């Protein structure tokens, strides 16, 4: 029994308090990430994608110059636009993952959390 008579060991109580604090910090960071806009691009900026910090695609912009780059062959144009779009989305998502990893490492002290812990 502890000096306060609670019967709960101090170390366990401290661990539970630390876990609750970490959980609230993780939730705060998730909320901030959901409101953050992160950009990716491809084709030297001809296609730009913006995603949230949690990976939701917010926008995709294609420069009109892309349409005239293949000599007018619509099949090649569509394929090129699709490829550039996928590359821009993937670039934005990778940046979002990097930002999320860095922010979570900051709040967790670099301790990797198991999938599903605190809703992750």
C-alpha atoms as a PDB file:
ATOM      1  CA  UNK A   1       0.000   0.000   0.000  1.00  0.00           C
ATOM      2  CA  UNK A   2       1.251   3.494  -0.760  1.00  0.00           C
ATOM      3  CA  UNK A   3       1.506   6.347   1.746  1.00  0.00           C
ATOM      4  CA  UNK A   4      -1.760   7.849   0.439  1.00  0.00           C
ATOM      5  CA  UNK A   5      -3.555   4.614   1.301  1.00  0.00           C
ATOM      6  CA  UNK A   6      -4.795   4.049  -2.260  1.00  0.00           C
ATOM      7  CA  UNK A   7      -3.302   0.608  -2.557  1.00  0.00           C
ATOM      8  CA  UNK A   8      -2.138   1.488  -6.078  1.00  0.00           C
ATOM      9  CA  UNK A   9       1.627   1.453  -6.492  1.00  0.00           C
ATOM     10  CA  UNK A  10       3.046   4.894  -7.278  1.00  0.00           C
ATOM     11  CA  UNK A  11       4.843   3.609 -10.347  1.00  0.00           C
ATOM     12  CA  UNK A  12       1.660   2.187 -11.885  1.00  0.00           C
ATOM     13  CA  UNK A  13      -0.246   5.403 -11.168  1.00  0.00           C
ATOM     14  CA  UNK A  14       2.558   7.468 -12.728  1.00  0.00           C
ATOM     15  CA  UNK A  15       2.594   5.180 -15.765  1.00  0.00           C
ATOM     16  CA  UNK A  16      -1.168   5.546 -16.219  1.00  0.00           C
ATOM     17  CA  UNK A  17      -0.908   9.343 -15.924  1.00  0.00           C
ATOM     18  CA  UNK A  18       1.893   9.407 -18.503  1.00  0.00           C
ATOM     19  CA  UNK A  19      -0.155   7.227 -20.871  1.00  0.00           C
ATOM     20  CA  UNK A  20      -3.184   9.533 -20.517  1.00  0.00           C
ATOM     21  CA  UNK A  21      -1.014  12.572 -21.218  1.00  0.00           C
ATOM     22  CA  UNK A  22       0.518  10.884 -24.266  1.00  0.00           C
ATOM     23  CA  UNK A  23      -2.940   9.921 -25.526  1.00  0.00           C
ATOM     24  CA  UNK A  24      -4.182  13.498 -25.301  1.00  0.00           C
ATOM     25  CA  UNK A  25      -1.042  14.755 -27.054  1.00  0.00           C
ATOM     26  CA  UNK A  26      -1.462  12.183 -29.840  1.00  0.00           C
ATOM     27  CA  UNK A  27      -5.096  13.268 -30.288  1.00  0.00           C
ATOM     28  CA  UNK A  28      -4.050  16.931 -30.400  1.00  0.00           C
ATOM     29  CA  UNK A  29      -1.386  16.205 -33.042  1.00  0.00           C
ATOM     30  CA  UNK A  30      -3.881  14.185 -35.121  1.00  0.00           C
ATOM     31  CA  UNK A  31      -6.300  17.095 -35.024  1.00  0.00           C
ATOM     32  CA  UNK A  32      -3.554  19.499 -36.123  1.00  0.00           C
ATOM     33  CA  UNK A  33      -2.490  17.140 -38.908  1.00  0.00           C
ATOM     34  CA  UNK A  34      -6.055  16.873 -40.202  1.00  0.00           C
ATOM     35  CA  UNK A  35      -6.084  20.658 -40.681  1.00  0.00           C
ATOM     36  CA  UNK A  36      -2.639  20.868 -42.258  1.00  0.00           C
ATOM     37  CA  UNK A  37      -2.176  21.125 -46.038  1.00  0.00           C
ATOM     38  CA  UNK A  38       0.866  19.415 -47.569  1.00  0.00           C
ATOM     39  CA  UNK A  39       1.829  19.723 -51.234  1.00  0.00           C
ATOM     40  CA  UNK A  40       3.454  17.391 -53.720  1.00  0.00           C
ATOM     41  CA  UNK A  41       4.166  17.898 -57.394  1.00  0.00           C
ATOM     42  CA  UNK A  42       5.383  16.169 -60.510  1.00  0.00           C
ATOM     43  CA  UNK A  43       6.476  17.153 -63.989  1.00  0.00           C
ATOM     44  CA  UNK A  44       8.412  20.116 -62.666  1.00  0.00           C
ATOM     45  CA  UNK A  45       5.286  21.552 -61.069  1.00  0.00           C
ATOM     46  CA  UNK A  46       2.917  20.875 -63.965  1.00  0.00           C
ATOM     47  CA  UNK A  47       0.765  18.727 -61.693  1.00  0.00           C
ATOM     48  CA  UNK A  48       0.289  19.653 -58.036  1.00  0.00           C
ATOM     49  CA  UNK A  49      -1.538  17.775 -55.321  1.00  0.00           C
ATOM     50  CA  UNK A  50      -2.466  18.940 -51.837  1.00  0.00           C
ATOM     51  CA  UNK A  51      -3.273  16.456 -49.085  1.00  0.00           C
ATOM     52  CA  UNK A  52      -4.096  16.824 -45.414  1.00  0.00           C
ATOM     53  CA  UNK A  53      -1.638  15.658 -42.790  1.00  0.00           C
ATOM     54  CA  UNK A  54      -3.768  12.542 -42.351  1.00  0.00           C
ATOM     55  CA  UNK A  55      -3.646  11.657 -46.052  1.00  0.00           C
ATOM     56  CA  UNK A  56      -6.923  13.006 -47.443  1.00  0.00           C
ATOM     57  CA  UNK A  57      -6.527  14.397 -50.976  1.00  0.00           C
ATOM     58  CA  UNK A  58      -7.672  18.018 -50.859  1.00  0.00           C
ATOM     59  CA  UNK A  59      -6.905  19.166 -54.400  1.00  0.00           C
ATOM     60  CA  UNK A  60      -5.267  18.216 -57.672  1.00  0.00           C
ATOM     61  CA  UNK A  61      -4.248  20.915 -60.147  1.00  0.00           C
ATOM     62  CA  UNK A  62      -3.037  20.273 -63.692  1.00  0.00           C
ATOM     63  CA  UNK A  63      -1.332  23.043 -65.622  1.00  0.00           C
ATOM     64  CA  UNK A  64      -3.069  23.558 -68.991  1.00  0.00           C
ATOM     65  CA  UNK A  65       0.359  23.343 -70.671  1.00  0.00           C
ATOM     66  CA  UNK A  66       0.284  19.576 -70.087  1.00  0.00           C
ATOM     67  CA  UNK A  67      -2.410  19.233 -72.773  1.00  0.00           C
ATOM     68  CA  UNK A  68      -0.176  20.438 -75.596  1.00  0.00           C
ATOM     69  CA  UNK A  69       2.935  18.485 -74.686  1.00  0.00           C
ATOM     70  CA  UNK A  70       2.395  15.326 -76.737  1.00  0.00           C
ATOM     71  CA  UNK A  71       1.615  16.614 -80.185  1.00  0.00           C
ATOM     72  CA  UNK A  72      -2.143  16.230 -79.861  1.00  0.00           C
ATOM     73  CA  UNK A  73      -2.396  12.434 -79.436  1.00  0.00           C
ATOM     74  CA  UNK A  74      -5.244  12.128 -76.884  1.00  0.00           C
ATOM     75  CA  UNK A  75      -4.207   8.626 -75.782  1.00  0.00           C
ATOM     76  CA  UNK A  76      -0.700   9.759 -74.926  1.00  0.00           C
ATOM     77  CA  UNK A  77      -2.077  12.921 -73.262  1.00  0.00           C
ATOM     78  CA  UNK A  78      -4.401  10.946 -70.991  1.00  0.00           C
ATOM     79  CA  UNK A  79      -1.697   8.448 -70.058  1.00  0.00           C
ATOM     80  CA  UNK A  80       0.799  11.209 -69.328  1.00  0.00           C
ATOM     81  CA  UNK A  81      -1.734  13.189 -67.275  1.00  0.00           C
ATOM     82  CA  UNK A  82      -2.635  10.065 -65.314  1.00  0.00           C
ATOM     83  CA  UNK A  83       1.030   9.243 -64.663  1.00  0.00           C
ATOM     84  CA  UNK A  84       1.836  12.803 -63.573  1.00  0.00           C
ATOM     85  CA  UNK A  85      -1.254  12.861 -61.342  1.00  0.00           C
ATOM     86  CA  UNK A  86      -0.336   9.604 -59.623  1.00  0.00           C
ATOM     87  CA  UNK A  87       3.220  10.854 -59.099  1.00  0.00           C
ATOM     88  CA  UNK A  88       2.010  14.157 -57.592  1.00  0.00           C
ATOM     89  CA  UNK A  89      -0.448  12.392 -55.263  1.00  0.00           C
ATOM     90  CA  UNK A  90       2.228   9.916 -54.148  1.00  0.00           C
ATOM     91  CA  UNK A  91       4.722  12.750 -53.532  1.00  0.00           C
ATOM     92  CA  UNK A  92       2.194  14.631 -51.392  1.00  0.00           C
ATOM     93  CA  UNK A  93       1.218  11.507 -49.456  1.00  0.00           C
ATOM     94  CA  UNK A  94       4.858  10.633 -48.766  1.00  0.00           C
ATOM     95  CA  UNK A  95       5.495  14.149 -47.442  1.00  0.00           C
ATOM     96  CA  UNK A  96       2.357  13.866 -45.275  1.00  0.00           C
ATOM     97  CA  UNK A  97       3.606  10.548 -43.854  1.00  0.00           C
ATOM     98  CA  UNK A  98       7.000  12.102 -43.091  1.00  0.00           C
ATOM     99  CA  UNK A  99       5.389  15.069 -41.324  1.00  0.00           C
ATOM    100  CA  UNK A 100       3.057  12.774 -39.351  1.00  0.00           C
ATOM    101  CA  UNK A 101       5.948  10.488 -38.321  1.00  0.00           C
ATOM    102  CA  UNK A 102       8.017  13.463 -37.155  1.00  0.00           C
ATOM    103  CA  UNK A 103       5.127  15.002 -35.203  1.00  0.00           C
ATOM    104  CA  UNK A 104       4.201  11.704 -33.554  1.00  0.00           C
ATOM    105  CA  UNK A 105       7.844  10.995 -32.659  1.00  0.00           C
ATOM    106  CA  UNK A 106       8.001  14.424 -31.044  1.00  0.00           C
ATOM    107  CA  UNK A 107       4.995  13.727 -28.776  1.00  0.00           C
ATOM    108  CA  UNK A 108       5.832  10.109 -28.018  1.00  0.00           C
ATOM    109  CA  UNK A 109       9.522  10.748 -27.407  1.00  0.00           C
ATOM    110  CA  UNK A 110      10.382   8.520 -30.348  1.00  0.00           C
ATOM    111  CA  UNK A 111       8.604   5.509 -28.878  1.00  0.00           C
ATOM    112  CA  UNK A 112       6.943   3.623 -31.714  1.00  0.00           C
ATOM    113  CA  UNK A 113       3.329   2.915 -30.893  1.00  0.00           C
ATOM    114  CA  UNK A 114       1.709  -0.353 -31.943  1.00  0.00           C
ATOM    115  CA  UNK A 115      -0.919  -0.023 -34.688  1.00  0.00           C
ATOM    116  CA  UNK A 116      -4.294   0.798 -33.157  1.00  0.00           C
ATOM    117  CA  UNK A 117      -2.862   2.364 -30.008  1.00  0.00           C
ATOM    118  CA  UNK A 118      -4.602   5.659 -29.289  1.00  0.00           C
ATOM    119  CA  UNK A 119      -6.636   5.232 -32.482  1.00  0.00           C
ATOM    120  CA  UNK A 120      -3.653   5.062 -34.853  1.00  0.00           C
END
